Amino acid sequence: MNARASRAGLPRITQLTEVLLTSLEKLATAGQADAACRLAGQACAELRQSDPAAWQRFNVFLHRMIKYVS
């Protein structure tokens, strides 16, 4: 089963959250942890009130990545 098929039954915001978090992870592992964390922070700010579950996922990403920020 590919990633697209496994996401097919998820709500659109959950699908987008998955795509964005995967992209941010790739950005961080490519040596751009600062940029990944800035973008994740922006996502947190946008989602905090409207989608607490998505906000939490970006928040967890930030806490995990902070050790890589210079």
PDB file of N, CA and C in Angstrom:
ATOM      1  N   MET A   1       0.859  -1.182   0.000  1.00  0.00           N
ATOM      2  CA  MET A   1       0.000   0.000   0.000  1.00  0.00           C
ATOM      3  C   MET A   1       0.900   1.238   0.000  1.00  0.00           C
ATOM      4  N   ASN A   2       0.646   2.179  -0.902  1.00  0.00           N
ATOM      5  CA  ASN A   2       1.453   3.390  -0.947  1.00  0.00           C
ATOM      6  C   ASN A   2       0.914   4.437   0.027  1.00  0.00           C
ATOM      7  N   ALA A   3       1.684   5.507   0.210  1.00  0.00           N
ATOM      8  CA  ALA A   3       1.304   6.548   1.170  1.00  0.00           C
ATOM      9  C   ALA A   3      -0.016   7.207   0.796  1.00  0.00           C
ATOM     10  N   ARG A   4      -0.229   7.417  -0.484  1.00  0.00           N
ATOM     11  CA  ARG A   4      -1.471   8.057  -0.922  1.00  0.00           C
ATOM     12  C   ARG A   4      -2.682   7.198  -0.566  1.00  0.00           C
ATOM     13  N   ALA A   5      -2.592   5.902  -0.789  1.00  0.00           N
ATOM     14  CA  ALA A   5      -3.700   5.004  -0.471  1.00  0.00           C
ATOM     15  C   ALA A   5      -3.953   4.950   1.027  1.00  0.00           C
ATOM     16  N   SER A   6      -2.898   4.983   1.823  1.00  0.00           N
ATOM     17  CA  SER A   6      -3.080   4.915   3.272  1.00  0.00           C
ATOM     18  C   SER A   6      -3.692   6.193   3.827  1.00  0.00           C
ATOM     19  N   ARG A   7      -3.569   7.318   3.124  1.00  0.00           N
ATOM     20  CA  ARG A   7      -4.147   8.590   3.571  1.00  0.00           C
ATOM     21  C   ARG A   7      -5.548   8.824   3.012  1.00  0.00           C
ATOM     22  N   ALA A   8      -5.999   7.984   2.112  1.00  0.00           N
ATOM     23  CA  ALA A   8      -7.238   8.228   1.384  1.00  0.00           C
ATOM     24  C   ALA A   8      -8.447   8.433   2.282  1.00  0.00           C
ATOM     25  N   GLY A   9      -8.537   7.737   3.401  1.00  0.00           N
ATOM     26  CA  GLY A   9      -9.701   7.852   4.270  1.00  0.00           C
ATOM     27  C   GLY A   9      -9.596   8.943   5.309  1.00  0.00           C
ATOM     28  N   LEU A  10      -8.491   9.670   5.344  1.00  0.00           N
ATOM     29  CA  LEU A  10      -8.287  10.710   6.352  1.00  0.00           C
ATOM     30  C   LEU A  10      -8.901  12.036   5.912  1.00  0.00           C
ATOM     31  N   PRO A  11      -9.331  12.863   6.879  1.00  0.00           N
ATOM     32  CA  PRO A  11      -9.810  14.210   6.525  1.00  0.00           C
ATOM     33  C   PRO A  11      -8.707  15.006   5.830  1.00  0.00           C
ATOM     34  N   ARG A  12      -9.101  15.939   4.989  1.00  0.00           N
ATOM     35  CA  ARG A  12      -8.139  16.712   4.202  1.00  0.00           C
ATOM     36  C   ARG A  12      -7.083  17.403   5.063  1.00  0.00           C
ATOM     37  N   ILE A  13      -7.463  18.007   6.178  1.00  0.00           N
ATOM     38  CA  ILE A  13      -6.469  18.697   7.015  1.00  0.00           C
ATOM     39  C   ILE A  13      -5.451  17.708   7.562  1.00  0.00           C
ATOM     40  N   THR A  14      -5.893  16.501   7.870  1.00  0.00           N
ATOM     41  CA  THR A  14      -4.970  15.476   8.356  1.00  0.00           C
ATOM     42  C   THR A  14      -4.016  15.065   7.241  1.00  0.00           C
ATOM     43  N   GLN A  15      -4.532  14.940   6.030  1.00  0.00           N
ATOM     44  CA  GLN A  15      -3.681  14.612   4.887  1.00  0.00           C
ATOM     45  C   GLN A  15      -2.636  15.702   4.658  1.00  0.00           C
ATOM     46  N   LEU A  16      -3.072  16.949   4.704  1.00  0.00           N
ATOM     47  CA  LEU A  16      -2.145  18.060   4.502  1.00  0.00           C
ATOM     48  C   LEU A  16      -1.116  18.139   5.626  1.00  0.00           C
ATOM     49  N   THR A  17      -1.549  17.870   6.831  1.00  0.00           N
ATOM     50  CA  THR A  17      -0.623  17.855   7.967  1.00  0.00           C
ATOM     51  C   THR A  17       0.460  16.804   7.741  1.00  0.00           C
ATOM     52  N   GLU A  18       0.062  15.622   7.277  1.00  0.00           N
ATOM     53  CA  GLU A  18       1.026  14.554   6.987  1.00  0.00           C
ATOM     54  C   GLU A  18       2.048  14.996   5.933  1.00  0.00           C
ATOM     55  N   VAL A  19       1.548  15.592   4.864  1.00  0.00           N
ATOM     56  CA  VAL A  19       2.427  16.039   3.785  1.00  0.00           C
ATOM     57  C   VAL A  19       3.397  17.110   4.298  1.00  0.00           C
ATOM     58  N   LEU A  20       2.867  18.070   5.018  1.00  0.00           N
ATOM     59  CA  LEU A  20       3.724  19.153   5.512  1.00  0.00           C
ATOM     60  C   LEU A  20       4.747  18.657   6.518  1.00  0.00           C
ATOM     61  N   LEU A  21       4.357  17.797   7.430  1.00  0.00           N
ATOM     62  CA  LEU A  21       5.313  17.276   8.407  1.00  0.00           C
ATOM     63  C   LEU A  21       6.397  16.437   7.743  1.00  0.00           C
ATOM     64  N   THR A  22       6.025  15.654   6.753  1.00  0.00           N
ATOM     65  CA  THR A  22       7.022  14.879   6.011  1.00  0.00           C
ATOM     66  C   THR A  22       7.996  15.808   5.309  1.00  0.00           C
ATOM     67  N   SER A  23       7.480  16.867   4.717  1.00  0.00           N
ATOM     68  CA  SER A  23       8.328  17.843   4.028  1.00  0.00           C
ATOM     69  C   SER A  23       9.261  18.543   5.008  1.00  0.00           C
ATOM     70  N   LEU A  24       8.744  18.918   6.155  1.00  0.00           N
ATOM     71  CA  LEU A  24       9.574  19.587   7.161  1.00  0.00           C
ATOM     72  C   LEU A  24      10.648  18.652   7.696  1.00  0.00           C
ATOM     73  N   GLU A  25      10.322  17.392   7.863  1.00  0.00           N
ATOM     74  CA  GLU A  25      11.300  16.396   8.303  1.00  0.00           C
ATOM     75  C   GLU A  25      12.435  16.289   7.293  1.00  0.00           C
ATOM     76  N   LYS A  26      12.079  16.237   6.005  1.00  0.00           N
ATOM     77  CA  LYS A  26      13.088  16.158   4.944  1.00  0.00           C
ATOM     78  C   LYS A  26      13.952  17.414   4.923  1.00  0.00           C
ATOM     79  N   LEU A  27      13.331  18.561   5.093  1.00  0.00           N
ATOM     80  CA  LEU A  27      14.069  19.821   5.139  1.00  0.00           C
ATOM     81  C   LEU A  27      15.067  19.817   6.297  1.00  0.00           C
ATOM     82  N   ALA A  28      14.627  19.361   7.454  1.00  0.00           N
ATOM     83  CA  ALA A  28      15.499  19.316   8.627  1.00  0.00           C
ATOM     84  C   ALA A  28      16.662  18.351   8.418  1.00  0.00           C
ATOM     85  N   THR A  29      16.389  17.188   7.855  1.00  0.00           N
ATOM     86  CA  THR A  29      17.468  16.219   7.650  1.00  0.00           C
ATOM     87  C   THR A  29      18.421  16.641   6.538  1.00  0.00           C
ATOM     88  N   ALA A  30      18.007  17.607   5.723  1.00  0.00           N
ATOM     89  CA  ALA A  30      18.884  18.148   4.683  1.00  0.00           C
ATOM     90  C   ALA A  30      19.730  19.300   5.222  1.00  0.00           C
ATOM     91  N   GLY A  31      19.726  19.470   6.538  1.00  0.00           N
ATOM     92  CA  GLY A  31      20.556  20.504   7.144  1.00  0.00           C
ATOM     93  C   GLY A  31      19.864  21.842   7.316  1.00  0.00           C
ATOM     94  N   GLN A  32      18.573  21.889   7.142  1.00  0.00           N
ATOM     95  CA  GLN A  32      17.814  23.133   7.246  1.00  0.00           C
ATOM     96  C   GLN A  32      16.829  23.088   8.417  1.00  0.00           C
ATOM     97  N   ALA A  33      17.323  22.656   9.582  1.00  0.00           N
ATOM     98  CA  ALA A  33      16.456  22.537  10.755  1.00  0.00           C
ATOM     99  C   ALA A  33      15.882  23.893  11.164  1.00  0.00           C
ATOM    100  N   ASP A  34      16.674  24.958  11.059  1.00  0.00           N
ATOM    101  CA  ASP A  34      16.168  26.292  11.412  1.00  0.00           C
ATOM    102  C   ASP A  34      14.945  26.652  10.563  1.00  0.00           C
ATOM    103  N   ALA A  35      15.059  26.464   9.266  1.00  0.00           N
ATOM    104  CA  ALA A  35      13.947  26.787   8.364  1.00  0.00           C
ATOM    105  C   ALA A  35      12.744  25.883   8.645  1.00  0.00           C
ATOM    106  N   ALA A  36      12.997  24.605   8.880  1.00  0.00           N
ATOM    107  CA  ALA A  36      11.905  23.670   9.175  1.00  0.00           C
ATOM    108  C   ALA A  36      11.169  24.087  10.444  1.00  0.00           C
ATOM    109  N   CYS A  37      11.909  24.506  11.456  1.00  0.00           N
ATOM    110  CA  CYS A  37      11.281  24.917  12.715  1.00  0.00           C
ATOM    111  C   CYS A  37      10.520  26.232  12.563  1.00  0.00           C
ATOM    112  N   ARG A  38      11.054  27.155  11.784  1.00  0.00           N
ATOM    113  CA  ARG A  38      10.319  28.406  11.540  1.00  0.00           C
ATOM    114  C   ARG A  38       8.983  28.122  10.862  1.00  0.00           C
ATOM    115  N   LEU A  39       9.005  27.255   9.858  1.00  0.00           N
ATOM    116  CA  LEU A  39       7.772  26.912   9.149  1.00  0.00           C
ATOM    117  C   LEU A  39       6.800  26.142  10.047  1.00  0.00           C
ATOM    118  N   ALA A  40       7.310  25.233  10.843  1.00  0.00           N
ATOM    119  CA  ALA A  40       6.454  24.492  11.775  1.00  0.00           C
ATOM    120  C   ALA A  40       5.845  25.446  12.795  1.00  0.00           C
ATOM    121  N   GLY A  41       6.608  26.443  13.224  1.00  0.00           N
ATOM    122  CA  GLY A  41       6.085  27.448  14.148  1.00  0.00           C
ATOM    123  C   GLY A  41       4.948  28.243  13.528  1.00  0.00           C
ATOM    124  N   GLN A  42       5.084  28.576  12.264  1.00  0.00           N
ATOM    125  CA  GLN A  42       4.004  29.280  11.568  1.00  0.00           C
ATOM    126  C   GLN A  42       2.759  28.409  11.489  1.00  0.00           C
ATOM    127  N   ALA A  43       2.949  27.124  11.206  1.00  0.00           N
ATOM    128  CA  ALA A  43       1.812  26.205  11.155  1.00  0.00           C
ATOM    129  C   ALA A  43       1.150  26.118  12.527  1.00  0.00           C
ATOM    130  N   CYS A  44       1.950  26.053  13.582  1.00  0.00           N
ATOM    131  CA  CYS A  44       1.399  26.012  14.951  1.00  0.00           C
ATOM    132  C   CYS A  44       0.528  27.237  15.216  1.00  0.00           C
ATOM    133  N   ALA A  45       1.034  28.395  14.842  1.00  0.00           N
ATOM    134  CA  ALA A  45       0.288  29.629  15.085  1.00  0.00           C
ATOM    135  C   ALA A  45      -1.045  29.628  14.339  1.00  0.00           C
ATOM    136  N   GLU A  46      -1.040  29.109  13.115  1.00  0.00           N
ATOM    137  CA  GLU A  46      -2.271  29.077  12.314  1.00  0.00           C
ATOM    138  C   GLU A  46      -3.280  28.055  12.838  1.00  0.00           C
ATOM    139  N   LEU A  47      -2.799  26.962  13.381  1.00  0.00           N
ATOM    140  CA  LEU A  47      -3.682  25.848  13.736  1.00  0.00           C
ATOM    141  C   LEU A  47      -4.104  25.805  15.200  1.00  0.00           C
ATOM    142  N   ARG A  48      -3.461  26.583  16.037  1.00  0.00           N
ATOM    143  CA  ARG A  48      -3.688  26.472  17.486  1.00  0.00           C
ATOM    144  C   ARG A  48      -5.168  26.527  17.873  1.00  0.00           C
ATOM    145  N   GLN A  49      -5.901  27.465  17.344  1.00  0.00           N
ATOM    146  CA  GLN A  49      -7.314  27.616  17.686  1.00  0.00           C
ATOM    147  C   GLN A  49      -8.240  26.765  16.814  1.00  0.00           C
ATOM    148  N   SER A  50      -7.892  26.618  15.551  1.00  0.00           N
ATOM    149  CA  SER A  50      -8.812  25.965  14.621  1.00  0.00           C
ATOM    150  C   SER A  50      -8.707  24.438  14.591  1.00  0.00           C
ATOM    151  N   ASP A  51      -7.516  23.894  14.872  1.00  0.00           N
ATOM    152  CA  ASP A  51      -7.345  22.439  14.813  1.00  0.00           C
ATOM    153  C   ASP A  51      -6.303  21.996  15.838  1.00  0.00           C
ATOM    154  N   PRO A  52      -6.727  21.825  17.084  1.00  0.00           N
ATOM    155  CA  PRO A  52      -5.785  21.464  18.146  1.00  0.00           C
ATOM    156  C   PRO A  52      -5.012  20.168  17.885  1.00  0.00           C
ATOM    157  N   ALA A  53      -5.604  19.203  17.203  1.00  0.00           N
ATOM    158  CA  ALA A  53      -4.898  17.952  16.923  1.00  0.00           C
ATOM    159  C   ALA A  53      -3.742  18.182  15.952  1.00  0.00           C
ATOM    160  N   ALA A  54      -3.986  18.943  14.898  1.00  0.00           N
ATOM    161  CA  ALA A  54      -2.916  19.259  13.946  1.00  0.00           C
ATOM    162  C   ALA A  54      -1.866  20.137  14.625  1.00  0.00           C
ATOM    163  N   TRP A  55      -2.300  21.105  15.426  1.00  0.00           N
ATOM    164  CA  TRP A  55      -1.370  21.955  16.174  1.00  0.00           C
ATOM    165  C   TRP A  55      -0.436  21.091  17.017  1.00  0.00           C
ATOM    166  N   GLN A  56      -0.987  20.102  17.688  1.00  0.00           N
ATOM    167  CA  GLN A  56      -0.187  19.232  18.556  1.00  0.00           C
ATOM    168  C   GLN A  56       0.888  18.494  17.770  1.00  0.00           C
ATOM    169  N   ARG A  57       0.571  18.053  16.585  1.00  0.00           N
ATOM    170  CA  ARG A  57       1.554  17.329  15.768  1.00  0.00           C
ATOM    171  C   ARG A  57       2.716  18.227  15.369  1.00  0.00           C
ATOM    172  N   PHE A  58       2.423  19.487  15.017  1.00  0.00           N
ATOM    173  CA  PHE A  58       3.504  20.411  14.691  1.00  0.00           C
ATOM    174  C   PHE A  58       4.296  20.783  15.945  1.00  0.00           C
ATOM    175  N   ASN A  59       3.619  20.897  17.052  1.00  0.00           N
ATOM    176  CA  ASN A  59       4.279  21.210  18.312  1.00  0.00           C
ATOM    177  C   ASN A  59       5.255  20.090  18.700  1.00  0.00           C
ATOM    178  N   VAL A  60       4.832  18.858  18.537  1.00  0.00           N
ATOM    179  CA  VAL A  60       5.714  17.715  18.811  1.00  0.00           C
ATOM    180  C   VAL A  60       6.927  17.764  17.886  1.00  0.00           C
ATOM    181  N   PHE A  61       6.697  18.067  16.616  1.00  0.00           N
ATOM    182  CA  PHE A  61       7.812  18.200  15.672  1.00  0.00           C
ATOM    183  C   PHE A  61       8.802  19.250  16.166  1.00  0.00           C
ATOM    184  N   LEU A  62       8.298  20.396  16.592  1.00  0.00           N
ATOM    185  CA  LEU A  62       9.173  21.465  17.080  1.00  0.00           C
ATOM    186  C   LEU A  62       9.998  21.010  18.280  1.00  0.00           C
ATOM    187  N   HIS A  63       9.377  20.353  19.221  1.00  0.00           N
ATOM    188  CA  HIS A  63      10.095  19.884  20.406  1.00  0.00           C
ATOM    189  C   HIS A  63      11.160  18.851  20.046  1.00  0.00           C
ATOM    190  N   ARG A  64      10.875  18.038  19.062  1.00  0.00           N
ATOM    191  CA  ARG A  64      11.843  17.032  18.629  1.00  0.00           C
ATOM    192  C   ARG A  64      13.013  17.656  17.874  1.00  0.00           C
ATOM    193  N   MET A  65      12.750  18.719  17.120  1.00  0.00           N
ATOM    194  CA  MET A  65      13.771  19.331  16.266  1.00  0.00           C
ATOM    195  C   MET A  65      14.613  20.391  16.966  1.00  0.00           C
ATOM    196  N   ILE A  66      14.164  20.891  18.093  1.00  0.00           N
ATOM    197  CA  ILE A  66      14.838  22.031  18.721  1.00  0.00           C
ATOM    198  C   ILE A  66      16.314  21.752  18.992  1.00  0.00           C
ATOM    199  N   LYS A  67      16.674  20.521  19.239  1.00  0.00           N
ATOM    200  CA  LYS A  67      18.078  20.194  19.512  1.00  0.00           C
ATOM    201  C   LYS A  67      18.971  20.369  18.293  1.00  0.00           C
ATOM    202  N   TYR A  68      18.369  20.470  17.103  1.00  0.00           N
ATOM    203  CA  TYR A  68      19.135  20.642  15.865  1.00  0.00           C
ATOM    204  C   TYR A  68      19.231  22.098  15.398  1.00  0.00           C
ATOM    205  N   VAL A  69      18.564  22.981  16.101  1.00  0.00           N
ATOM    206  CA  VAL A  69      18.547  24.405  15.720  1.00  0.00           C
ATOM    207  C   VAL A  69      19.786  25.080  16.281  1.00  0.00           C
ATOM    208  N   SER A  70      20.414  25.886  15.441  1.00  0.00           N
ATOM    209  CA  SER A  70      21.628  26.574  15.895  1.00  0.00           C
ATOM    210  C   SER A  70      21.316  27.934  16.488  1.00  0.00           C
TER     211      SER A  70
END
